[in-house]
Amino acid sequence: MSSRKRKSVSSRPTTQYDTRRFHSFEAWTRYTDNVLGRHILAERKVEIYHTELDEFKGELERCNFHKRLTNFADSSIDLALVKEFYAKLYSPEGPSPKQVRIRGHLITIDADSLNAFLETPVVLAEGESLPAYSRYYRMPTDIREIKVALCIPGRGFILNVEGHPGKILRKDLTTLAQVWSVLSYFNLVPTSHTSDMTMDRARLIFVLVTQLDMNVKALIARQITSMAQSNSSRLRFPALITVLCRTRGVASDSLVFERLSPVINLAYIRKNCWNPNDPTIIIRGARRPRARPVEAPSTSAAPPPAHIVAAPSTLPPADFQCFEAKL
């Protein structure tokens, strides 16, 4: 009886992954090994009415931030969709692309596409090729100018170990500066480090407080692509990405959704942003803390250290690392 040789079957394992959602095994690996376990940093919705902090509300409307950037009609966040978006946007060879295909629909996140979606046009002064925000970032930093705009009287920057202005304590900020900083922490340049204000953050808040026009679409677009290449930290702009995908026709099959961060309204501002030592803004219903009786200082005690150390009035831009978007 003649023996027959069996044909050898390849022992190479075939890896299974979700081919319905992911176009490549590399994107699936990025999703499972990195993006899936990361948390999000959800945006905040703003609900400020007329006669309530009019200066803040007026600037929101002037910049068109009130239309989409701070007004999410559907406040639910599709977490699975957001993580799929960031996994596919990742590029192992270099910078992330400006577009990605999500469940058969092309999502473009370049500056022009975001501008049309957010309805935040770039305003240029006559004869200028850059908005006021970009021109400001190319100028030397005027420390006194920032201090006057953002701090309550008698307060300013805390110097770092090198003797340069390093940060502003939260308790030393005006009410308006604190409101803008909260919005920036979640909707403009998201970060989970919100205790004190760094120099770069102070420059951004100065632009907002002094009503300088900025190219917010490019600022957000660059952060999204940078976040896609990052291997840690929370995923930013989840509500914006969810709405952007839904607007482009992406179908959702999720059963569980995340919520936005707490809304910024008068009650939130009164509790978390109002500075009773700020003479420029008075909020109805907010109570000033009772002053504690001051004891007479002991003659033998050493004099307390100065809270604020004098700082140079101007610093060259090279002394500080500016935000990602120097547009």
C-alpha atoms as a PDB file:
ATOM      1  CA  MET A   1       0.000   0.000   0.000  1.00  0.00           C
ATOM      2  CA  SER A   2       1.496   3.222  -1.083  1.00  0.00           C
ATOM      3  CA  SER A   3       1.807   5.859   1.533  1.00  0.00           C
ATOM      4  CA  ARG A   4       0.576   9.339   0.833  1.00  0.00           C
ATOM      5  CA  LYS A   5       2.264  12.404   2.122  1.00  0.00           C
ATOM      6  CA  ARG A   6      -0.039  14.961   3.630  1.00  0.00           C
ATOM      7  CA  LYS A   7       0.372  18.473   2.498  1.00  0.00           C
ATOM      8  CA  SER A   8       1.725  20.594   5.304  1.00  0.00           C
ATOM      9  CA  VAL A   9      -0.637  23.262   6.478  1.00  0.00           C
ATOM     10  CA  SER A  10       0.946  26.560   7.359  1.00  0.00           C
ATOM     11  CA  SER A  11       1.353  26.872  11.090  1.00  0.00           C
ATOM     12  CA  ARG A  12       1.421  30.678  10.882  1.00  0.00           C
ATOM     13  CA  PRO A  13      -1.300  32.000  13.238  1.00  0.00           C
ATOM     14  CA  THR A  14      -3.903  34.340  11.875  1.00  0.00           C
ATOM     15  CA  THR A  15      -4.652  37.251  14.165  1.00  0.00           C
ATOM     16  CA  GLN A  16      -8.298  38.233  14.383  1.00  0.00           C
ATOM     17  CA  TYR A  17      -9.364  41.858  14.817  1.00  0.00           C
ATOM     18  CA  ASP A  18     -12.364  44.044  14.160  1.00  0.00           C
ATOM     19  CA  THR A  19     -12.148  44.543  10.404  1.00  0.00           C
ATOM     20  CA  ARG A  20     -15.467  46.367  10.372  1.00  0.00           C
ATOM     21  CA  ARG A  21     -14.075  49.325  12.279  1.00  0.00           C
ATOM     22  CA  PHE A  22     -10.320  49.143  11.675  1.00  0.00           C
ATOM     23  CA  HIS A  23      -8.733  49.222   8.254  1.00  0.00           C
ATOM     24  CA  SER A  24      -5.401  47.757   9.370  1.00  0.00           C
ATOM     25  CA  PHE A  25      -3.916  45.562  12.053  1.00  0.00           C
ATOM     26  CA  GLU A  26      -1.627  48.450  13.059  1.00  0.00           C
ATOM     27  CA  ALA A  27      -4.627  50.672  13.868  1.00  0.00           C
ATOM     28  CA  TRP A  28      -6.206  47.839  15.856  1.00  0.00           C
ATOM     29  CA  THR A  29      -2.987  47.317  17.807  1.00  0.00           C
ATOM     30  CA  ARG A  30      -2.783  51.038  18.570  1.00  0.00           C
ATOM     31  CA  TYR A  31      -6.369  50.893  19.802  1.00  0.00           C
ATOM     32  CA  THR A  32      -5.980  47.863  22.076  1.00  0.00           C
ATOM     33  CA  ASP A  33      -2.472  48.546  23.381  1.00  0.00           C
ATOM     34  CA  ASN A  34      -2.665  52.299  23.976  1.00  0.00           C
ATOM     35  CA  VAL A  35      -5.869  54.203  23.306  1.00  0.00           C
ATOM     36  CA  LEU A  36      -8.391  51.790  24.816  1.00  0.00           C
ATOM     37  CA  GLY A  37      -7.148  52.233  28.365  1.00  0.00           C
ATOM     38  CA  ARG A  38      -6.867  56.029  28.308  1.00  0.00           C
ATOM     39  CA  HIS A  39      -9.367  58.374  29.903  1.00  0.00           C
ATOM     40  CA  ILE A  40     -10.902  61.467  28.336  1.00  0.00           C
ATOM     41  CA  LEU A  41     -10.891  65.130  29.325  1.00  0.00           C
ATOM     42  CA  ALA A  42     -14.408  66.233  28.460  1.00  0.00           C
ATOM     43  CA  GLU A  43     -15.289  69.779  27.462  1.00  0.00           C
ATOM     44  CA  ARG A  44     -17.590  72.144  29.331  1.00  0.00           C
ATOM     45  CA  LYS A  45     -20.751  73.780  28.110  1.00  0.00           C
ATOM     46  CA  VAL A  46     -21.254  77.483  28.865  1.00  0.00           C
ATOM     47  CA  GLU A  47     -24.646  78.776  29.989  1.00  0.00           C
ATOM     48  CA  ILE A  48     -24.256  82.480  30.697  1.00  0.00           C
ATOM     49  CA  TYR A  49     -27.170  84.830  30.194  1.00  0.00           C
ATOM     50  CA  HIS A  50     -27.292  88.586  29.664  1.00  0.00           C
ATOM     51  CA  THR A  51     -26.509  90.710  32.736  1.00  0.00           C
ATOM     52  CA  GLU A  52     -24.389  87.767  33.988  1.00  0.00           C
ATOM     53  CA  LEU A  53     -20.700  88.503  33.492  1.00  0.00           C
ATOM     54  CA  ASP A  54     -21.399  90.532  30.342  1.00  0.00           C
ATOM     55  CA  GLU A  55     -17.724  91.025  29.457  1.00  0.00           C
ATOM     56  CA  PHE A  56     -17.153  87.255  29.290  1.00  0.00           C
ATOM     57  CA  LYS A  57     -20.391  86.533  27.429  1.00  0.00           C
ATOM     58  CA  GLY A  58     -19.782  89.366  24.975  1.00  0.00           C
ATOM     59  CA  GLU A  59     -16.350  88.025  24.023  1.00  0.00           C
ATOM     60  CA  LEU A  60     -17.744  84.512  23.570  1.00  0.00           C
ATOM     61  CA  GLU A  61     -20.262  85.868  21.090  1.00  0.00           C
ATOM     62  CA  ARG A  62     -17.775  88.149  19.328  1.00  0.00           C
ATOM     63  CA  CYS A  63     -15.468  85.181  18.680  1.00  0.00           C
ATOM     64  CA  ASN A  64     -18.398  82.856  17.846  1.00  0.00           C
ATOM     65  CA  PHE A  65     -17.326  80.512  20.644  1.00  0.00           C
ATOM     66  CA  HIS A  66     -20.965  80.328  21.735  1.00  0.00           C
ATOM     67  CA  LYS A  67     -22.126  78.514  18.586  1.00  0.00           C
ATOM     68  CA  ARG A  68     -20.326  75.154  18.732  1.00  0.00           C
ATOM     69  CA  LEU A  69     -17.161  75.400  20.802  1.00  0.00           C
ATOM     70  CA  THR A  70     -19.041  75.919  24.085  1.00  0.00           C
ATOM     71  CA  ASN A  71     -22.547  74.889  23.081  1.00  0.00           C
ATOM     72  CA  PHE A  72     -23.110  71.162  22.602  1.00  0.00           C
ATOM     73  CA  ALA A  73     -26.761  70.484  21.793  1.00  0.00           C
ATOM     74  CA  ASP A  74     -26.215  66.765  22.404  1.00  0.00           C
ATOM     75  CA  SER A  75     -24.045  66.587  25.486  1.00  0.00           C
ATOM     76  CA  SER A  76     -23.359  62.844  25.186  1.00  0.00           C
ATOM     77  CA  ILE A  77     -19.858  61.625  24.286  1.00  0.00           C
ATOM     78  CA  ASP A  78     -19.434  58.422  22.292  1.00  0.00           C
ATOM     79  CA  LEU A  79     -16.339  57.071  24.026  1.00  0.00           C
ATOM     80  CA  ALA A  80     -15.838  54.144  21.635  1.00  0.00           C
ATOM     81  CA  LEU A  81     -16.064  56.465  18.646  1.00  0.00           C
ATOM     82  CA  VAL A  82     -13.554  58.917  20.125  1.00  0.00           C
ATOM     83  CA  LYS A  83     -11.013  56.183  20.861  1.00  0.00           C
ATOM     84  CA  GLU A  84     -11.457  54.690  17.399  1.00  0.00           C
ATOM     85  CA  PHE A  85     -10.831  58.159  15.945  1.00  0.00           C
ATOM     86  CA  TYR A  86      -7.563  58.655  17.842  1.00  0.00           C
ATOM     87  CA  ALA A  87      -6.332  55.122  17.108  1.00  0.00           C
ATOM     88  CA  LYS A  88      -6.815  55.567  13.370  1.00  0.00           C
ATOM     89  CA  LEU A  89      -5.304  59.050  13.374  1.00  0.00           C
ATOM     90  CA  TYR A  90      -2.048  57.699  14.782  1.00  0.00           C
ATOM     91  CA  SER A  91       0.858  57.438  12.343  1.00  0.00           C
ATOM     92  CA  PRO A  92       3.912  55.347  13.371  1.00  0.00           C
ATOM     93  CA  GLU A  93       6.087  57.026  10.730  1.00  0.00           C
ATOM     94  CA  GLY A  94       5.617  60.624  11.793  1.00  0.00           C
ATOM     95  CA  PRO A  95       3.039  63.392  12.213  1.00  0.00           C
ATOM     96  CA  SER A  96      -0.616  62.407  12.166  1.00  0.00           C
ATOM     97  CA  PRO A  97      -2.576  62.943   8.957  1.00  0.00           C
ATOM     98  CA  LYS A  98      -5.182  65.685   8.662  1.00  0.00           C
ATOM     99  CA  GLN A  99      -7.990  63.265   7.856  1.00  0.00           C
ATOM    100  CA  VAL A 100      -9.176  59.840   8.884  1.00  0.00           C
ATOM    101  CA  ARG A 101     -11.892  57.467   7.686  1.00  0.00           C
ATOM    102  CA  ILE A 102     -14.337  56.439  10.416  1.00  0.00           C
ATOM    103  CA  ARG A 103     -16.787  53.659   9.520  1.00  0.00           C
ATOM    104  CA  GLY A 104     -16.820  54.612   5.862  1.00  0.00           C
ATOM    105  CA  HIS A 105     -16.947  58.398   6.357  1.00  0.00           C
ATOM    106  CA  LEU A 106     -14.000  60.743   5.825  1.00  0.00           C
ATOM    107  CA  ILE A 107     -13.384  63.080   8.774  1.00  0.00           C
ATOM    108  CA  THR A 108     -11.121  66.034   8.000  1.00  0.00           C
ATOM    109  CA  ILE A 109      -9.556  67.958  10.875  1.00  0.00           C
ATOM    110  CA  ASP A 110      -7.399  70.552   9.170  1.00  0.00           C
ATOM    111  CA  ALA A 111      -7.783  74.211  10.093  1.00  0.00           C
ATOM    112  CA  ASP A 112     -10.118  75.084   7.207  1.00  0.00           C
ATOM    113  CA  SER A 113     -12.496  72.190   7.913  1.00  0.00           C
ATOM    114  CA  LEU A 114     -12.648  73.012  11.632  1.00  0.00           C
ATOM    115  CA  ASN A 115     -13.202  76.672  10.814  1.00  0.00           C
ATOM    116  CA  ALA A 116     -16.266  75.823   8.748  1.00  0.00           C
ATOM    117  CA  PHE A 117     -17.584  73.474  11.421  1.00  0.00           C
ATOM    118  CA  LEU A 118     -16.946  75.724  14.438  1.00  0.00           C
ATOM    119  CA  GLU A 119     -17.990  78.889  12.558  1.00  0.00           C
ATOM    120  CA  THR A 120     -15.004  80.778  13.951  1.00  0.00           C
ATOM    121  CA  PRO A 121     -13.610  82.874  11.096  1.00  0.00           C
ATOM    122  CA  VAL A 122     -10.118  84.301  11.313  1.00  0.00           C
ATOM    123  CA  VAL A 123     -10.182  88.092  11.677  1.00  0.00           C
ATOM    124  CA  LEU A 124      -7.230  89.976  10.193  1.00  0.00           C
ATOM    125  CA  ALA A 125      -6.558  93.654  10.686  1.00  0.00           C
ATOM    126  CA  GLU A 126      -6.106  95.752   7.572  1.00  0.00           C
ATOM    127  CA  GLY A 127      -2.705  95.159   6.026  1.00  0.00           C
ATOM    128  CA  GLU A 128      -1.898  92.187   8.302  1.00  0.00           C
ATOM    129  CA  SER A 129      -1.380  88.558   7.297  1.00  0.00           C
ATOM    130  CA  LEU A 130      -1.643  87.135  10.830  1.00  0.00           C
ATOM    131  CA  PRO A 131      -4.307  87.548  13.539  1.00  0.00           C
ATOM    132  CA  ALA A 132      -3.513  89.620  16.612  1.00  0.00           C
ATOM    133  CA  TYR A 133      -2.954  86.456  18.700  1.00  0.00           C
ATOM    134  CA  SER A 134      -0.165  85.232  16.431  1.00  0.00           C
ATOM    135  CA  ARG A 135       1.511  88.640  16.286  1.00  0.00           C
ATOM    136  CA  TYR A 136       1.393  88.894  20.057  1.00  0.00           C
ATOM    137  CA  TYR A 137       3.199  85.554  20.454  1.00  0.00           C
ATOM    138  CA  ARG A 138       6.038  86.856  18.312  1.00  0.00           C
ATOM    139  CA  MET A 139       6.635  89.853  20.568  1.00  0.00           C
ATOM    140  CA  PRO A 140       8.603  90.043  23.833  1.00  0.00           C
ATOM    141  CA  THR A 141       6.489  89.201  26.872  1.00  0.00           C
ATOM    142  CA  ASP A 142       5.492  92.216  28.935  1.00  0.00           C
ATOM    143  CA  ILE A 143       5.171  90.831  32.456  1.00  0.00           C
ATOM    144  CA  ARG A 144       3.652  93.994  33.935  1.00  0.00           C
ATOM    145  CA  GLU A 145       1.031  94.110  31.195  1.00  0.00           C
ATOM    146  CA  ILE A 146      -0.063  90.537  31.926  1.00  0.00           C
ATOM    147  CA  LYS A 147      -0.038  91.139  35.675  1.00  0.00           C
ATOM    148  CA  VAL A 148      -2.304  94.179  35.402  1.00  0.00           C
ATOM    149  CA  ALA A 149      -4.763  92.351  33.138  1.00  0.00           C
ATOM    150  CA  LEU A 150      -5.005  89.079  35.071  1.00  0.00           C
ATOM    151  CA  CYS A 151      -4.189  89.729  38.729  1.00  0.00           C
ATOM    152  CA  ILE A 152      -5.975  91.456  41.550  1.00  0.00           C
ATOM    153  CA  PRO A 153      -4.270  94.608  42.846  1.00  0.00           C
ATOM    154  CA  GLY A 154      -0.977  93.963  44.604  1.00  0.00           C
ATOM    155  CA  ARG A 155      -0.476  90.471  43.213  1.00  0.00           C
ATOM    156  CA  GLY A 156       1.561  89.061  40.345  1.00  0.00           C
ATOM    157  CA  PHE A 157       3.854  86.277  39.209  1.00  0.00           C
ATOM    158  CA  ILE A 158       5.732  83.942  41.538  1.00  0.00           C
ATOM    159  CA  LEU A 159       9.364  83.647  40.493  1.00  0.00           C
ATOM    160  CA  ASN A 160      10.931  80.281  39.739  1.00  0.00           C
ATOM    161  CA  VAL A 161      14.335  79.096  40.975  1.00  0.00           C
ATOM    162  CA  GLU A 162      16.052  80.914  38.103  1.00  0.00           C
ATOM    163  CA  GLY A 163      14.482  84.228  39.065  1.00  0.00           C
ATOM    164  CA  HIS A 164      12.046  84.359  36.126  1.00  0.00           C
ATOM    165  CA  PRO A 165       8.261  84.725  36.439  1.00  0.00           C
ATOM    166  CA  GLY A 166       6.987  81.163  36.674  1.00  0.00           C
ATOM    167  CA  LYS A 167       3.311  81.089  37.613  1.00  0.00           C
ATOM    168  CA  ILE A 168       0.360  82.986  39.042  1.00  0.00           C
ATOM    169  CA  LEU A 169      -1.446  81.524  42.025  1.00  0.00           C
ATOM    170  CA  ARG A 170      -5.112  80.874  41.411  1.00  0.00           C
ATOM    171  CA  LYS A 171      -6.156  82.969  44.401  1.00  0.00           C
ATOM    172  CA  ASP A 172      -4.363  85.972  42.892  1.00  0.00           C
ATOM    173  CA  LEU A 173      -6.324  85.944  39.605  1.00  0.00           C
ATOM    174  CA  THR A 174      -9.264  88.185  38.846  1.00  0.00           C
ATOM    175  CA  THR A 175     -12.695  86.631  38.452  1.00  0.00           C
ATOM    176  CA  LEU A 176     -12.668  87.117  34.673  1.00  0.00           C
ATOM    177  CA  ALA A 177      -9.214  85.558  34.340  1.00  0.00           C
ATOM    178  CA  GLN A 178     -10.323  82.535  36.365  1.00  0.00           C
ATOM    179  CA  VAL A 179     -13.419  82.018  34.190  1.00  0.00           C
ATOM    180  CA  TRP A 180     -11.372  82.147  30.988  1.00  0.00           C
ATOM    181  CA  SER A 181      -8.759  79.824  32.467  1.00  0.00           C
ATOM    182  CA  VAL A 182     -11.411  77.203  33.316  1.00  0.00           C
ATOM    183  CA  LEU A 183     -12.744  77.345  29.769  1.00  0.00           C
ATOM    184  CA  SER A 184      -9.230  77.044  28.339  1.00  0.00           C
ATOM    185  CA  TYR A 185      -8.466  74.021  30.535  1.00  0.00           C
ATOM    186  CA  PHE A 186     -11.250  72.027  28.858  1.00  0.00           C
ATOM    187  CA  ASN A 187     -12.236  73.586  25.498  1.00  0.00           C
ATOM    188  CA  LEU A 188      -9.221  75.428  24.089  1.00  0.00           C
ATOM    189  CA  VAL A 189      -5.923  73.986  25.358  1.00  0.00           C
ATOM    190  CA  PRO A 190      -7.051  71.096  27.584  1.00  0.00           C
ATOM    191  CA  THR A 191      -4.947  70.000  30.537  1.00  0.00           C
ATOM    192  CA  SER A 192      -5.558  68.239  33.834  1.00  0.00           C
ATOM    193  CA  HIS A 193      -3.067  70.489  35.673  1.00  0.00           C
ATOM    194  CA  THR A 194      -5.290  73.359  36.759  1.00  0.00           C
ATOM    195  CA  SER A 195      -3.989  74.450  40.162  1.00  0.00           C
ATOM    196  CA  ASP A 196      -1.941  77.508  39.169  1.00  0.00           C
ATOM    197  CA  MET A 197      -1.441  79.412  35.931  1.00  0.00           C
ATOM    198  CA  THR A 198       1.823  78.900  34.052  1.00  0.00           C
ATOM    199  CA  MET A 199       3.443  81.579  31.910  1.00  0.00           C
ATOM    200  CA  ASP A 200       2.241  80.058  28.637  1.00  0.00           C
ATOM    201  CA  ARG A 201      -1.303  79.786  29.982  1.00  0.00           C
ATOM    202  CA  ALA A 202      -1.126  83.360  31.265  1.00  0.00           C
ATOM    203  CA  ARG A 203      -0.261  84.593  27.765  1.00  0.00           C
ATOM    204  CA  LEU A 204      -3.251  82.748  26.321  1.00  0.00           C
ATOM    205  CA  ILE A 205      -5.613  84.130  28.971  1.00  0.00           C
ATOM    206  CA  PHE A 206      -4.205  87.615  28.407  1.00  0.00           C
ATOM    207  CA  VAL A 207      -5.153  87.313  24.719  1.00  0.00           C
ATOM    208  CA  LEU A 208      -8.711  86.313  25.686  1.00  0.00           C
ATOM    209  CA  VAL A 209      -9.147  88.948  28.404  1.00  0.00           C
ATOM    210  CA  THR A 210      -7.850  91.755  26.190  1.00  0.00           C
ATOM    211  CA  GLN A 211      -9.994  90.531  23.247  1.00  0.00           C
ATOM    212  CA  LEU A 212      -7.248  89.858  20.712  1.00  0.00           C
ATOM    213  CA  ASP A 213      -8.440  87.886  17.679  1.00  0.00           C
ATOM    214  CA  MET A 214      -7.023  84.367  17.437  1.00  0.00           C
ATOM    215  CA  ASN A 215      -6.938  81.450  15.015  1.00  0.00           C
ATOM    216  CA  VAL A 216      -8.691  78.952  17.283  1.00  0.00           C
ATOM    217  CA  LYS A 217      -9.294  76.407  14.510  1.00  0.00           C
ATOM    218  CA  ALA A 218      -5.561  75.900  13.902  1.00  0.00           C
ATOM    219  CA  LEU A 219      -4.909  75.809  17.642  1.00  0.00           C
ATOM    220  CA  ILE A 220      -7.359  72.923  18.087  1.00  0.00           C
ATOM    221  CA  ALA A 221      -6.355  71.079  14.901  1.00  0.00           C
ATOM    222  CA  ARG A 222      -2.712  70.943  15.945  1.00  0.00           C
ATOM    223  CA  GLN A 223      -3.587  69.702  19.421  1.00  0.00           C
ATOM    224  CA  ILE A 224      -5.755  66.871  18.060  1.00  0.00           C
ATOM    225  CA  THR A 225      -3.001  65.596  15.755  1.00  0.00           C
ATOM    226  CA  SER A 226      -0.438  65.954  18.535  1.00  0.00           C
ATOM    227  CA  MET A 227      -2.673  64.031  20.947  1.00  0.00           C
ATOM    228  CA  ALA A 228      -3.013  61.183  18.414  1.00  0.00           C
ATOM    229  CA  GLN A 229       0.779  60.726  18.503  1.00  0.00           C
ATOM    230  CA  SER A 230       0.962  60.920  22.290  1.00  0.00           C
ATOM    231  CA  ASN A 231       1.255  57.732  24.335  1.00  0.00           C
ATOM    232  CA  SER A 232      -0.201  59.075  27.563  1.00  0.00           C
ATOM    233  CA  SER A 233      -2.471  61.742  29.061  1.00  0.00           C
ATOM    234  CA  ARG A 234      -6.210  62.055  28.628  1.00  0.00           C
ATOM    235  CA  LEU A 235      -7.816  62.254  25.199  1.00  0.00           C
ATOM    236  CA  ARG A 236      -8.855  65.810  24.414  1.00  0.00           C
ATOM    237  CA  PHE A 237     -11.889  67.260  22.616  1.00  0.00           C
ATOM    238  CA  PRO A 238     -14.085  64.118  22.917  1.00  0.00           C
ATOM    239  CA  ALA A 239     -17.377  66.008  22.572  1.00  0.00           C
ATOM    240  CA  LEU A 240     -16.123  67.943  19.544  1.00  0.00           C
ATOM    241  CA  ILE A 241     -14.951  64.726  17.871  1.00  0.00           C
ATOM    242  CA  THR A 242     -18.263  63.010  18.636  1.00  0.00           C
ATOM    243  CA  VAL A 243     -20.298  65.850  17.121  1.00  0.00           C
ATOM    244  CA  LEU A 244     -17.945  66.133  14.151  1.00  0.00           C
ATOM    245  CA  CYS A 245     -18.332  62.423  13.351  1.00  0.00           C
ATOM    246  CA  ARG A 246     -22.100  62.492  13.748  1.00  0.00           C
ATOM    247  CA  THR A 247     -22.351  65.512  11.494  1.00  0.00           C
ATOM    248  CA  ARG A 248     -20.434  63.615   8.794  1.00  0.00           C
ATOM    249  CA  GLY A 249     -22.913  60.733   9.024  1.00  0.00           C
ATOM    250  CA  VAL A 250     -20.974  58.265  11.186  1.00  0.00           C
ATOM    251  CA  ALA A 251     -23.391  55.780  12.756  1.00  0.00           C
ATOM    252  CA  SER A 252     -23.014  54.957  16.436  1.00  0.00           C
ATOM    253  CA  ASP A 253     -23.680  51.553  17.949  1.00  0.00           C
ATOM    254  CA  SER A 254     -22.615  52.455  21.481  1.00  0.00           C
ATOM    255  CA  LEU A 255     -24.905  51.752  24.422  1.00  0.00           C
ATOM    256  CA  VAL A 256     -22.994  53.721  27.061  1.00  0.00           C
ATOM    257  CA  PHE A 257     -22.045  57.387  26.702  1.00  0.00           C
ATOM    258  CA  GLU A 258     -19.944  59.781  28.741  1.00  0.00           C
ATOM    259  CA  ARG A 259     -21.077  63.213  29.887  1.00  0.00           C
ATOM    260  CA  LEU A 260     -19.552  66.640  29.583  1.00  0.00           C
ATOM    261  CA  SER A 261     -17.651  68.191  32.459  1.00  0.00           C
ATOM    262  CA  PRO A 262     -19.786  70.396  34.748  1.00  0.00           C
ATOM    263  CA  VAL A 263     -21.349  73.360  32.972  1.00  0.00           C
ATOM    264  CA  ILE A 264     -19.905  76.858  33.389  1.00  0.00           C
ATOM    265  CA  ASN A 265     -22.800  78.986  34.621  1.00  0.00           C
ATOM    266  CA  LEU A 266     -23.293  81.705  37.191  1.00  0.00           C
ATOM    267  CA  ALA A 267     -23.590  79.204  40.049  1.00  0.00           C
ATOM    268  CA  TYR A 268     -20.308  77.538  39.054  1.00  0.00           C
ATOM    269  CA  ILE A 269     -18.554  80.895  38.662  1.00  0.00           C
ATOM    270  CA  ARG A 270     -19.854  82.099  42.023  1.00  0.00           C
ATOM    271  CA  LYS A 271     -18.537  78.972  43.740  1.00  0.00           C
ATOM    272  CA  ASN A 272     -15.266  78.331  41.901  1.00  0.00           C
ATOM    273  CA  CYS A 273     -14.121  81.477  40.075  1.00  0.00           C
ATOM    274  CA  TRP A 274     -15.292  84.537  41.970  1.00  0.00           C
ATOM    275  CA  ASN A 275     -12.515  86.348  43.781  1.00  0.00           C
ATOM    276  CA  PRO A 276     -13.896  88.487  46.625  1.00  0.00           C
ATOM    277  CA  ASN A 277     -10.777  90.648  46.424  1.00  0.00           C
ATOM    278  CA  ASP A 278     -11.481  91.546  42.795  1.00  0.00           C
ATOM    279  CA  PRO A 279     -12.960  95.074  42.753  1.00  0.00           C
ATOM    280  CA  THR A 280     -13.955  94.901  39.052  1.00  0.00           C
ATOM    281  CA  ILE A 281     -16.731  92.288  39.305  1.00  0.00           C
ATOM    282  CA  ILE A 282     -19.513  91.919  41.839  1.00  0.00           C
ATOM    283  CA  ILE A 283     -21.658  88.773  41.718  1.00  0.00           C
ATOM    284  CA  ARG A 284     -25.049  88.884  43.372  1.00  0.00           C
ATOM    285  CA  GLY A 285     -25.548  86.312  46.072  1.00  0.00           C
ATOM    286  CA  ALA A 286     -21.844  85.728  46.602  1.00  0.00           C
ATOM    287  CA  ARG A 287     -20.704  86.273  50.160  1.00  0.00           C
ATOM    288  CA  ARG A 288     -17.380  87.727  51.039  1.00  0.00           C
ATOM    289  CA  PRO A 289     -15.444  85.690  53.624  1.00  0.00           C
ATOM    290  CA  ARG A 290     -15.340  87.156  57.078  1.00  0.00           C
ATOM    291  CA  ALA A 291     -12.040  88.759  57.913  1.00  0.00           C
ATOM    292  CA  ARG A 292     -10.228  87.121  60.787  1.00  0.00           C
ATOM    293  CA  PRO A 293      -9.004  89.353  63.595  1.00  0.00           C
ATOM    294  CA  VAL A 294      -5.411  90.326  63.021  1.00  0.00           C
ATOM    295  CA  GLU A 295      -3.093  89.715  65.942  1.00  0.00           C
ATOM    296  CA  ALA A 296      -0.350  92.157  66.723  1.00  0.00           C
ATOM    297  CA  PRO A 297       2.957  90.830  65.385  1.00  0.00           C
ATOM    298  CA  SER A 298       5.545  89.834  67.928  1.00  0.00           C
ATOM    299  CA  THR A 299       8.567  92.098  68.099  1.00  0.00           C
ATOM    300  CA  SER A 300      10.851  89.069  68.315  1.00  0.00           C
ATOM    301  CA  ALA A 301       9.416  87.348  65.249  1.00  0.00           C
ATOM    302  CA  ALA A 302      11.261  87.559  61.966  1.00  0.00           C
ATOM    303  CA  PRO A 303       9.601  89.620  59.222  1.00  0.00           C
ATOM    304  CA  PRO A 304       7.511  87.486  56.827  1.00  0.00           C
ATOM    305  CA  PRO A 305       8.958  86.881  53.340  1.00  0.00           C
ATOM    306  CA  ALA A 306       7.654  89.022  50.526  1.00  0.00           C
ATOM    307  CA  HIS A 307       4.841  87.362  48.559  1.00  0.00           C
ATOM    308  CA  ILE A 308       5.844  88.769  45.238  1.00  0.00           C
ATOM    309  CA  VAL A 309       9.382  89.401  44.125  1.00  0.00           C
ATOM    310  CA  ALA A 310      10.074  92.127  41.638  1.00  0.00           C
ATOM    311  CA  ALA A 311      10.453  90.789  38.110  1.00  0.00           C
ATOM    312  CA  PRO A 312      11.741  92.213  34.859  1.00  0.00           C
ATOM    313  CA  SER A 313       9.047  94.023  32.893  1.00  0.00           C
ATOM    314  CA  THR A 314       9.785  92.259  29.640  1.00  0.00           C
ATOM    315  CA  LEU A 315      11.102  88.886  28.623  1.00  0.00           C
ATOM    316  CA  PRO A 316      12.139  87.681  25.179  1.00  0.00           C
ATOM    317  CA  PRO A 317       9.949  84.947  23.707  1.00  0.00           C
ATOM    318  CA  ALA A 318      12.892  82.523  23.739  1.00  0.00           C
ATOM    319  CA  ASP A 319      12.838  82.448  27.546  1.00  0.00           C
ATOM    320  CA  PHE A 320       9.580  80.505  27.588  1.00  0.00           C
ATOM    321  CA  GLN A 321       8.228  77.610  25.611  1.00  0.00           C
ATOM    322  CA  CYS A 322       5.092  78.910  23.904  1.00  0.00           C
ATOM    323  CA  PHE A 323       1.986  76.888  23.128  1.00  0.00           C
ATOM    324  CA  GLU A 324       2.064  74.328  20.346  1.00  0.00           C
ATOM    325  CA  ALA A 325       0.237  76.604  17.935  1.00  0.00           C
ATOM    326  CA  LYS A 326       2.476  79.487  16.952  1.00  0.00           C
ATOM    327  CA  LEU A 327       0.396  80.247  13.922  1.00  0.00           C
END
